[in-house]
Every structure is written in structure tokens, then in C-alpha cells.
Amino acid sequence: MSYIAMNRFKVALGQEEAFEEIWRAREGRLNEMKGYQEFRMLKGAATEDYCLYSSHTTWATEEDFLAWTKSEQFRAAHANAGRSATKDVLVGPPQFEGFKTVLHESA
């Protein structure tokens, strides 16, 4: 069964396009990793304070995901994570959530 790693981002209202552009312009390194299956950036509902986004990666196993977090590719992909352009669009830090698949159905 697979492992899903998600980060929730609270993006300041009016900064949605800037946030999305940061992700479009990033150098992705996930496809270099064993067990990587898929990446999605999801846009959720807006509140009066922020718009919710979630990055969503699917891995063959939790071990594959953990190997990613310890890799040179991870360090390179996150080198600018704390830069001011990113901080200016976020309302607080991202929140990580990890899930092991226990049931899977597909079309």
C-alpha cells in the first residue's frame, strides 16, 4: 500500500497567484527518487483570513518518503523554503500530515 505526504498551507488572501507561481517555478526533484508516484498542489476553500492549499505526494512506501526527506534532492528542492517571498504569502508555517493507505479503490 502507498504512503501519502501532505503539507497544508494557509495563503494570505490576494496572494494565491504568487503562491502558485512559486510552486510552478520551483525545480522539482521528486521524479529522481525511488518510490515517488505523483505530486499534486490542491487549492481549497477560502476563509476570511486565508485560502487553504495542500501539496500532496504519493509514494510506494513510507520508507521511500523518508528517504526523500533525507536526500540531497530534498535539500535542494527546499533550499528557498524560508525565503521572504514565501513568508510574505503564508499565514503561519506549513502543517505536515502523513498517511498510510489502508484502503484503495480506483476506476
C-alpha atoms as a PDB file:
ATOM      1  CA  MET A   1       0.000   0.000   0.000  1.00  0.00           C
ATOM      2  CA  SER A   2       1.128   3.544  -0.651  1.00  0.00           C
ATOM      3  CA  TYR A   3       2.040   6.478   1.571  1.00  0.00           C
ATOM      4  CA  ILE A   4       0.651   9.999   1.097  1.00  0.00           C
ATOM      5  CA  ALA A   5       2.549  13.030   2.375  1.00  0.00           C
ATOM      6  CA  MET A   6       0.687  16.326   2.559  1.00  0.00           C
ATOM      7  CA  ASN A   7       1.552  19.850   3.634  1.00  0.00           C
ATOM      8  CA  ARG A   8      -1.245  22.322   4.364  1.00  0.00           C
ATOM      9  CA  PHE A   9      -0.543  25.955   3.533  1.00  0.00           C
ATOM     10  CA  LYS A  10      -2.610  28.924   4.673  1.00  0.00           C
ATOM     11  CA  VAL A  11      -2.092  31.517   1.935  1.00  0.00           C
ATOM     12  CA  ALA A  12      -2.891  35.155   2.627  1.00  0.00           C
ATOM     13  CA  LEU A  13      -5.887  36.385   0.657  1.00  0.00           C
ATOM     14  CA  GLY A  14      -4.782  38.115  -2.524  1.00  0.00           C
ATOM     15  CA  GLN A  15      -1.514  36.123  -2.597  1.00  0.00           C
ATOM     16  CA  GLU A  16      -2.880  32.979  -4.262  1.00  0.00           C
ATOM     17  CA  GLU A  17      -1.341  33.683  -7.679  1.00  0.00           C
ATOM     18  CA  ALA A  18       2.053  34.477  -6.129  1.00  0.00           C
ATOM     19  CA  PHE A  19       1.957  31.235  -4.128  1.00  0.00           C
ATOM     20  CA  GLU A  20       1.025  29.178  -7.184  1.00  0.00           C
ATOM     21  CA  GLU A  21       3.808  30.804  -9.221  1.00  0.00           C
ATOM     22  CA  ILE A  22       6.382  29.930  -6.550  1.00  0.00           C
ATOM     23  CA  TRP A  23       5.386  26.283  -6.982  1.00  0.00           C
ATOM     24  CA  ARG A  24       5.291  26.446 -10.802  1.00  0.00           C
ATOM     25  CA  ALA A  25       8.784  27.964 -10.918  1.00  0.00           C
ATOM     26  CA  ARG A  26      10.381  25.526  -8.454  1.00  0.00           C
ATOM     27  CA  GLU A  27      12.866  22.918  -9.569  1.00  0.00           C
ATOM     28  CA  GLY A  28      11.173  19.605  -8.935  1.00  0.00           C
ATOM     29  CA  ARG A  29      13.410  16.719  -7.905  1.00  0.00           C
ATOM     30  CA  LEU A  30      10.786  14.192  -6.826  1.00  0.00           C
ATOM     31  CA  ASN A  31      10.981  12.142 -10.015  1.00  0.00           C
ATOM     32  CA  GLU A  32      14.611  11.323  -9.198  1.00  0.00           C
ATOM     33  CA  MET A  33      13.542   9.363  -6.131  1.00  0.00           C
ATOM     34  CA  LYS A  34      12.743   5.673  -5.750  1.00  0.00           C
ATOM     35  CA  GLY A  35       9.099   5.090  -4.930  1.00  0.00           C
ATOM     36  CA  TYR A  36       7.819   8.528  -5.990  1.00  0.00           C
ATOM     37  CA  GLN A  37       4.482   8.235  -7.786  1.00  0.00           C
ATOM     38  CA  GLU A  38       2.648  11.562  -8.000  1.00  0.00           C
ATOM     39  CA  PHE A  39       2.554  15.236  -6.956  1.00  0.00           C
ATOM     40  CA  ARG A  40      -0.477  17.490  -6.804  1.00  0.00           C
ATOM     41  CA  MET A  41      -0.993  21.000  -5.487  1.00  0.00           C
ATOM     42  CA  LEU A  42      -4.570  21.336  -4.279  1.00  0.00           C
ATOM     43  CA  LYS A  43      -6.475  24.581  -3.727  1.00  0.00           C
ATOM     44  CA  GLY A  44      -9.202  24.524  -1.104  1.00  0.00           C
ATOM     45  CA  ALA A  45     -11.737  26.893   0.322  1.00  0.00           C
ATOM     46  CA  ALA A  46     -11.046  30.428   1.439  1.00  0.00           C
ATOM     47  CA  THR A  47     -11.885  31.792   4.856  1.00  0.00           C
ATOM     48  CA  GLU A  48     -11.950  35.455   5.772  1.00  0.00           C
ATOM     49  CA  ASP A  49      -8.223  35.193   6.649  1.00  0.00           C
ATOM     50  CA  TYR A  50      -6.628  32.822   4.142  1.00  0.00           C
ATOM     51  CA  CYS A  51      -7.034  30.351   1.267  1.00  0.00           C
ATOM     52  CA  LEU A  52      -6.144  26.737   2.066  1.00  0.00           C
ATOM     53  CA  TYR A  53      -3.730  24.814  -0.186  1.00  0.00           C
ATOM     54  CA  SER A  54      -2.266  21.355   0.190  1.00  0.00           C
ATOM     55  CA  SER A  55       0.711  19.759  -1.528  1.00  0.00           C
ATOM     56  CA  HIS A  56       0.086  16.056  -1.991  1.00  0.00           C
ATOM     57  CA  THR A  57       2.713  13.453  -2.898  1.00  0.00           C
ATOM     58  CA  THR A  58       2.147   9.738  -3.239  1.00  0.00           C
ATOM     59  CA  TRP A  59       4.943   7.262  -2.545  1.00  0.00           C
ATOM     60  CA  ALA A  60       5.180   3.495  -2.886  1.00  0.00           C
ATOM     61  CA  THR A  61       6.112   3.200   0.817  1.00  0.00           C
ATOM     62  CA  GLU A  62       6.647   5.383   3.876  1.00  0.00           C
ATOM     63  CA  GLU A  63      10.307   4.353   3.754  1.00  0.00           C
ATOM     64  CA  ASP A  64      10.599   5.831   0.233  1.00  0.00           C
ATOM     65  CA  PHE A  65       9.148   9.110   1.528  1.00  0.00           C
ATOM     66  CA  LEU A  66      11.532   9.158   4.494  1.00  0.00           C
ATOM     67  CA  ALA A  67      14.468   8.549   2.142  1.00  0.00           C
ATOM     68  CA  TRP A  68      13.319  11.620   0.156  1.00  0.00           C
ATOM     69  CA  THR A  69      13.353  13.771   3.311  1.00  0.00           C
ATOM     70  CA  LYS A  70      16.986  12.783   3.951  1.00  0.00           C
ATOM     71  CA  SER A  71      18.180  13.188   0.362  1.00  0.00           C
ATOM     72  CA  GLU A  72      20.269  15.805  -1.424  1.00  0.00           C
ATOM     73  CA  GLN A  73      17.284  16.294  -3.754  1.00  0.00           C
ATOM     74  CA  PHE A  74      15.074  17.246  -0.782  1.00  0.00           C
ATOM     75  CA  ARG A  75      17.638  19.763   0.490  1.00  0.00           C
ATOM     76  CA  ALA A  76      17.944  21.307  -2.980  1.00  0.00           C
ATOM     77  CA  ALA A  77      14.166  21.436  -3.511  1.00  0.00           C
ATOM     78  CA  HIS A  78      13.650  23.154  -0.131  1.00  0.00           C
ATOM     79  CA  ALA A  79      16.671  25.478  -0.224  1.00  0.00           C
ATOM     80  CA  ASN A  80      14.477  28.569  -0.652  1.00  0.00           C
ATOM     81  CA  ALA A  81      11.577  27.447   1.546  1.00  0.00           C
ATOM     82  CA  GLY A  82      12.233  30.126   4.154  1.00  0.00           C
ATOM     83  CA  ARG A  83      12.918  32.978   1.776  1.00  0.00           C
ATOM     84  CA  SER A  84      10.983  36.198   2.256  1.00  0.00           C
ATOM     85  CA  ALA A  85       8.850  35.780  -0.900  1.00  0.00           C
ATOM     86  CA  THR A  86       7.412  32.568   0.553  1.00  0.00           C
ATOM     87  CA  LYS A  87       6.942  34.035   4.034  1.00  0.00           C
ATOM     88  CA  ASP A  88       5.095  37.045   2.592  1.00  0.00           C
ATOM     89  CA  VAL A  89       2.352  34.852   1.122  1.00  0.00           C
ATOM     90  CA  LEU A  90       1.825  32.450   4.037  1.00  0.00           C
ATOM     91  CA  VAL A  91      -0.219  32.862   7.202  1.00  0.00           C
ATOM     92  CA  GLY A  92       1.913  30.733   9.532  1.00  0.00           C
ATOM     93  CA  PRO A  93       4.122  27.736   8.766  1.00  0.00           C
ATOM     94  CA  PRO A  94       3.010  24.737   6.682  1.00  0.00           C
ATOM     95  CA  GLN A  95       1.475  21.809   8.555  1.00  0.00           C
ATOM     96  CA  PHE A  96       2.679  18.311   7.606  1.00  0.00           C
ATOM     97  CA  GLU A  97       0.355  15.313   7.559  1.00  0.00           C
ATOM     98  CA  GLY A  98       1.398  11.770   6.569  1.00  0.00           C
ATOM     99  CA  PHE A  99      -0.970   8.900   5.791  1.00  0.00           C
ATOM    100  CA  LYS A 100      -0.555   5.176   5.161  1.00  0.00           C
ATOM    101  CA  THR A 101      -3.077   3.809   2.692  1.00  0.00           C
ATOM    102  CA  VAL A 102      -5.378   1.246   4.306  1.00  0.00           C
ATOM    103  CA  LEU A 103      -7.979   1.010   1.522  1.00  0.00           C
ATOM    104  CA  HIS A 104      -7.698   1.889  -2.160  1.00  0.00           C
ATOM    105  CA  GLU A 105     -10.258   1.820  -4.955  1.00  0.00           C
ATOM    106  CA  SER A 106      -9.869   3.156  -8.484  1.00  0.00           C
ATOM    107  CA  ALA A 107     -11.941   3.377 -11.633  1.00  0.00           C
END
